[in-house]
């Protein structure tokens, strides 16, 4: 992903209600998070989150021709946690995550949550 592609992607995430946080997972440089669906099991908790983790490889562009052209990368995670004792993660790594994929990942997350709510009993 180029710097301009990253900026367009991050602008779209912000427009859609995602918030930027320092990343502590998957060694990302930072991540954009959004929470969905209030938990019926624990008041004040959301059922799942989506995270788009951003990786900045620009300090290493001298090591690889591909990094010179595309120094930024993104992966996404669906973090299911209906209550404090539950954690189910679905990681999606792809070189093709861009602004058009955000809606698709949100639909996948909703479907994943519905499956888990039906099949994983608390």
C-alpha atoms as a PDB file:
ATOM      1  CA  UNK A   1       0.000   0.000   0.000  1.00  0.00           C
ATOM      2  CA  UNK A   2       1.355   3.433  -0.907  1.00  0.00           C
ATOM      3  CA  UNK A   3       1.229   6.433   1.423  1.00  0.00           C
ATOM      4  CA  UNK A   4      -1.662   7.916  -0.608  1.00  0.00           C
ATOM      5  CA  UNK A   5      -3.592   4.606  -0.563  1.00  0.00           C
ATOM      6  CA  UNK A   6      -3.058   4.393   3.199  1.00  0.00           C
ATOM      7  CA  UNK A   7      -4.332   7.941   3.687  1.00  0.00           C
ATOM      8  CA  UNK A   8      -7.459   7.238   1.603  1.00  0.00           C
ATOM      9  CA  UNK A   9      -8.045   4.014   3.557  1.00  0.00           C
ATOM     10  CA  UNK A  10      -7.626   5.725   6.935  1.00  0.00           C
ATOM     11  CA  UNK A  11      -9.891   8.617   5.899  1.00  0.00           C
ATOM     12  CA  UNK A  12     -12.598   6.091   5.059  1.00  0.00           C
ATOM     13  CA  UNK A  13     -12.136   4.255   8.380  1.00  0.00           C
ATOM     14  CA  UNK A  14     -12.513   7.526  10.261  1.00  0.00           C
ATOM     15  CA  UNK A  15     -15.645   8.427   8.258  1.00  0.00           C
ATOM     16  CA  UNK A  16     -17.119   5.038   9.204  1.00  0.00           C
ATOM     17  CA  UNK A  17     -16.571   5.597  12.930  1.00  0.00           C
ATOM     18  CA  UNK A  18     -13.298   3.749  13.525  1.00  0.00           C
ATOM     19  CA  UNK A  19     -10.906   5.211  16.084  1.00  0.00           C
ATOM     20  CA  UNK A  20      -7.117   5.140  15.923  1.00  0.00           C
ATOM     21  CA  UNK A  21      -5.167   3.635  18.833  1.00  0.00           C
ATOM     22  CA  UNK A  22      -1.544   2.684  19.466  1.00  0.00           C
ATOM     23  CA  UNK A  23      -1.349  -1.000  18.611  1.00  0.00           C
ATOM     24  CA  UNK A  24      -0.292  -3.642  21.085  1.00  0.00           C
ATOM     25  CA  UNK A  25      -1.321  -6.677  19.041  1.00  0.00           C
ATOM     26  CA  UNK A  26       0.440  -8.398  16.172  1.00  0.00           C
ATOM     27  CA  UNK A  27       3.406  -5.984  16.350  1.00  0.00           C
ATOM     28  CA  UNK A  28       1.489  -3.383  14.338  1.00  0.00           C
ATOM     29  CA  UNK A  29       2.505   0.263  14.429  1.00  0.00           C
ATOM     30  CA  UNK A  30      -1.083   1.280  15.241  1.00  0.00           C
ATOM     31  CA  UNK A  31      -4.643   0.099  14.633  1.00  0.00           C
ATOM     32  CA  UNK A  32      -8.130   1.401  13.927  1.00  0.00           C
ATOM     33  CA  UNK A  33     -10.916  -0.117  16.075  1.00  0.00           C
ATOM     34  CA  UNK A  34     -14.694  -0.078  16.082  1.00  0.00           C
ATOM     35  CA  UNK A  35     -17.082  -1.860  18.470  1.00  0.00           C
ATOM     36  CA  UNK A  36     -20.393  -3.406  17.456  1.00  0.00           C
ATOM     37  CA  UNK A  37     -23.566  -4.739  19.088  1.00  0.00           C
ATOM     38  CA  UNK A  38     -24.225  -4.378  22.818  1.00  0.00           C
ATOM     39  CA  UNK A  39     -23.820  -7.616  24.775  1.00  0.00           C
ATOM     40  CA  UNK A  40     -26.890  -9.303  26.215  1.00  0.00           C
ATOM     41  CA  UNK A  41     -24.606 -11.115  28.681  1.00  0.00           C
ATOM     42  CA  UNK A  42     -22.758  -8.203  30.249  1.00  0.00           C
ATOM     43  CA  UNK A  43     -24.048  -4.641  30.479  1.00  0.00           C
ATOM     44  CA  UNK A  44     -21.833  -2.000  28.919  1.00  0.00           C
ATOM     45  CA  UNK A  45     -19.882  -4.515  26.832  1.00  0.00           C
ATOM     46  CA  UNK A  46     -19.967  -4.895  23.053  1.00  0.00           C
ATOM     47  CA  UNK A  47     -20.192  -8.284  21.409  1.00  0.00           C
ATOM     48  CA  UNK A  48     -17.356  -7.781  18.952  1.00  0.00           C
ATOM     49  CA  UNK A  49     -14.797  -5.364  17.580  1.00  0.00           C
ATOM     50  CA  UNK A  50     -13.069  -5.009  14.262  1.00  0.00           C
ATOM     51  CA  UNK A  51      -9.449  -3.908  14.179  1.00  0.00           C
ATOM     52  CA  UNK A  52      -7.455  -2.824  11.151  1.00  0.00           C
ATOM     53  CA  UNK A  53      -3.776  -3.094  12.092  1.00  0.00           C
ATOM     54  CA  UNK A  54      -1.374  -0.873  10.156  1.00  0.00           C
ATOM     55  CA  UNK A  55       2.267  -1.773   9.551  1.00  0.00           C
ATOM     56  CA  UNK A  56       4.794   0.850   8.456  1.00  0.00           C
ATOM     57  CA  UNK A  57       7.756  -0.712   6.658  1.00  0.00           C
ATOM     58  CA  UNK A  58       9.026   2.608   5.256  1.00  0.00           C
ATOM     59  CA  UNK A  59      12.218   2.492   7.389  1.00  0.00           C
ATOM     60  CA  UNK A  60      13.154  -0.693   5.491  1.00  0.00           C
ATOM     61  CA  UNK A  61      12.531   0.378   1.886  1.00  0.00           C
ATOM     62  CA  UNK A  62      16.198  -0.052   1.011  1.00  0.00           C
ATOM     63  CA  UNK A  63      15.907  -3.798   1.667  1.00  0.00           C
ATOM     64  CA  UNK A  64      13.225  -4.756  -0.833  1.00  0.00           C
ATOM     65  CA  UNK A  65      11.913  -3.383  -4.140  1.00  0.00           C
ATOM     66  CA  UNK A  66       8.312  -4.162  -3.196  1.00  0.00           C
ATOM     67  CA  UNK A  67       8.654  -2.185   0.044  1.00  0.00           C
ATOM     68  CA  UNK A  68       9.956   0.763  -1.944  1.00  0.00           C
ATOM     69  CA  UNK A  69       6.675   0.818  -3.910  1.00  0.00           C
ATOM     70  CA  UNK A  70       4.325  -0.280  -1.113  1.00  0.00           C
ATOM     71  CA  UNK A  71       5.799   0.468   2.318  1.00  0.00           C
ATOM     72  CA  UNK A  72       2.506   0.108   4.253  1.00  0.00           C
ATOM     73  CA  UNK A  73       0.483  -2.983   5.022  1.00  0.00           C
ATOM     74  CA  UNK A  74      -2.785  -3.754   6.784  1.00  0.00           C
ATOM     75  CA  UNK A  75      -4.390  -6.789   8.352  1.00  0.00           C
ATOM     76  CA  UNK A  76      -7.790  -7.033   9.961  1.00  0.00           C
ATOM     77  CA  UNK A  77      -9.088  -8.872  13.003  1.00  0.00           C
ATOM     78  CA  UNK A  78     -12.548  -9.672  14.276  1.00  0.00           C
ATOM     79  CA  UNK A  79     -12.418  -9.836  18.072  1.00  0.00           C
ATOM     80  CA  UNK A  80     -15.444 -11.560  19.573  1.00  0.00           C
ATOM     81  CA  UNK A  81     -15.964 -11.111  23.315  1.00  0.00           C
ATOM     82  CA  UNK A  82     -19.559 -11.208  24.552  1.00  0.00           C
ATOM     83  CA  UNK A  83     -18.436 -11.437  28.191  1.00  0.00           C
ATOM     84  CA  UNK A  84     -15.210 -10.989  30.140  1.00  0.00           C
ATOM     85  CA  UNK A  85     -14.318 -14.710  30.000  1.00  0.00           C
ATOM     86  CA  UNK A  86     -14.726 -15.130  26.240  1.00  0.00           C
ATOM     87  CA  UNK A  87     -12.296 -14.324  23.437  1.00  0.00           C
ATOM     88  CA  UNK A  88     -12.510 -15.606  19.868  1.00  0.00           C
ATOM     89  CA  UNK A  89     -10.363 -13.934  17.203  1.00  0.00           C
ATOM     90  CA  UNK A  90     -10.559 -14.217  13.445  1.00  0.00           C
ATOM     91  CA  UNK A  91      -7.481 -12.825  11.671  1.00  0.00           C
ATOM     92  CA  UNK A  92      -7.662 -11.780   8.033  1.00  0.00           C
ATOM     93  CA  UNK A  93      -4.337 -11.111   6.361  1.00  0.00           C
ATOM     94  CA  UNK A  94      -4.366  -9.934   2.777  1.00  0.00           C
ATOM     95  CA  UNK A  95      -2.338  -7.660   0.573  1.00  0.00           C
ATOM     96  CA  UNK A  96      -5.614  -6.433  -0.924  1.00  0.00           C
ATOM     97  CA  UNK A  97      -7.321  -4.872   2.106  1.00  0.00           C
ATOM     98  CA  UNK A  98      -8.455  -1.435   1.003  1.00  0.00           C
ATOM     99  CA  UNK A  99     -11.321   0.985   1.516  1.00  0.00           C
ATOM    100  CA  UNK A 100     -13.744  -1.168  -0.517  1.00  0.00           C
ATOM    101  CA  UNK A 101     -13.130  -4.160   1.752  1.00  0.00           C
ATOM    102  CA  UNK A 102     -14.221  -2.452   4.970  1.00  0.00           C
ATOM    103  CA  UNK A 103     -17.922  -3.115   4.368  1.00  0.00           C
ATOM    104  CA  UNK A 104     -17.209  -6.741   3.404  1.00  0.00           C
ATOM    105  CA  UNK A 105     -15.246  -7.307   6.606  1.00  0.00           C
ATOM    106  CA  UNK A 106     -18.036  -5.709   8.654  1.00  0.00           C
ATOM    107  CA  UNK A 107     -20.560  -8.116   7.060  1.00  0.00           C
ATOM    108  CA  UNK A 108     -18.239 -11.047   7.728  1.00  0.00           C
ATOM    109  CA  UNK A 109     -17.856  -9.927  11.361  1.00  0.00           C
ATOM    110  CA  UNK A 110     -21.620  -9.740  11.826  1.00  0.00           C
ATOM    111  CA  UNK A 111     -22.035 -13.200  10.299  1.00  0.00           C
ATOM    112  CA  UNK A 112     -19.195 -14.585  12.451  1.00  0.00           C
ATOM    113  CA  UNK A 113     -20.822 -13.108  15.571  1.00  0.00           C
ATOM    114  CA  UNK A 114     -24.230 -14.600  14.679  1.00  0.00           C
ATOM    115  CA  UNK A 115     -22.631 -18.020  14.139  1.00  0.00           C
ATOM    116  CA  UNK A 116     -20.780 -17.823  17.452  1.00  0.00           C
ATOM    117  CA  UNK A 117     -23.868 -16.643  19.335  1.00  0.00           C
ATOM    118  CA  UNK A 118     -25.789 -19.636  17.988  1.00  0.00           C
ATOM    119  CA  UNK A 119     -23.053 -22.251  18.406  1.00  0.00           C
ATOM    120  CA  UNK A 120     -20.855 -21.142  21.318  1.00  0.00           C
ATOM    121  CA  UNK A 121     -22.924 -21.143  24.472  1.00  0.00           C
ATOM    122  CA  UNK A 122     -21.939 -19.133  27.522  1.00  0.00           C
END
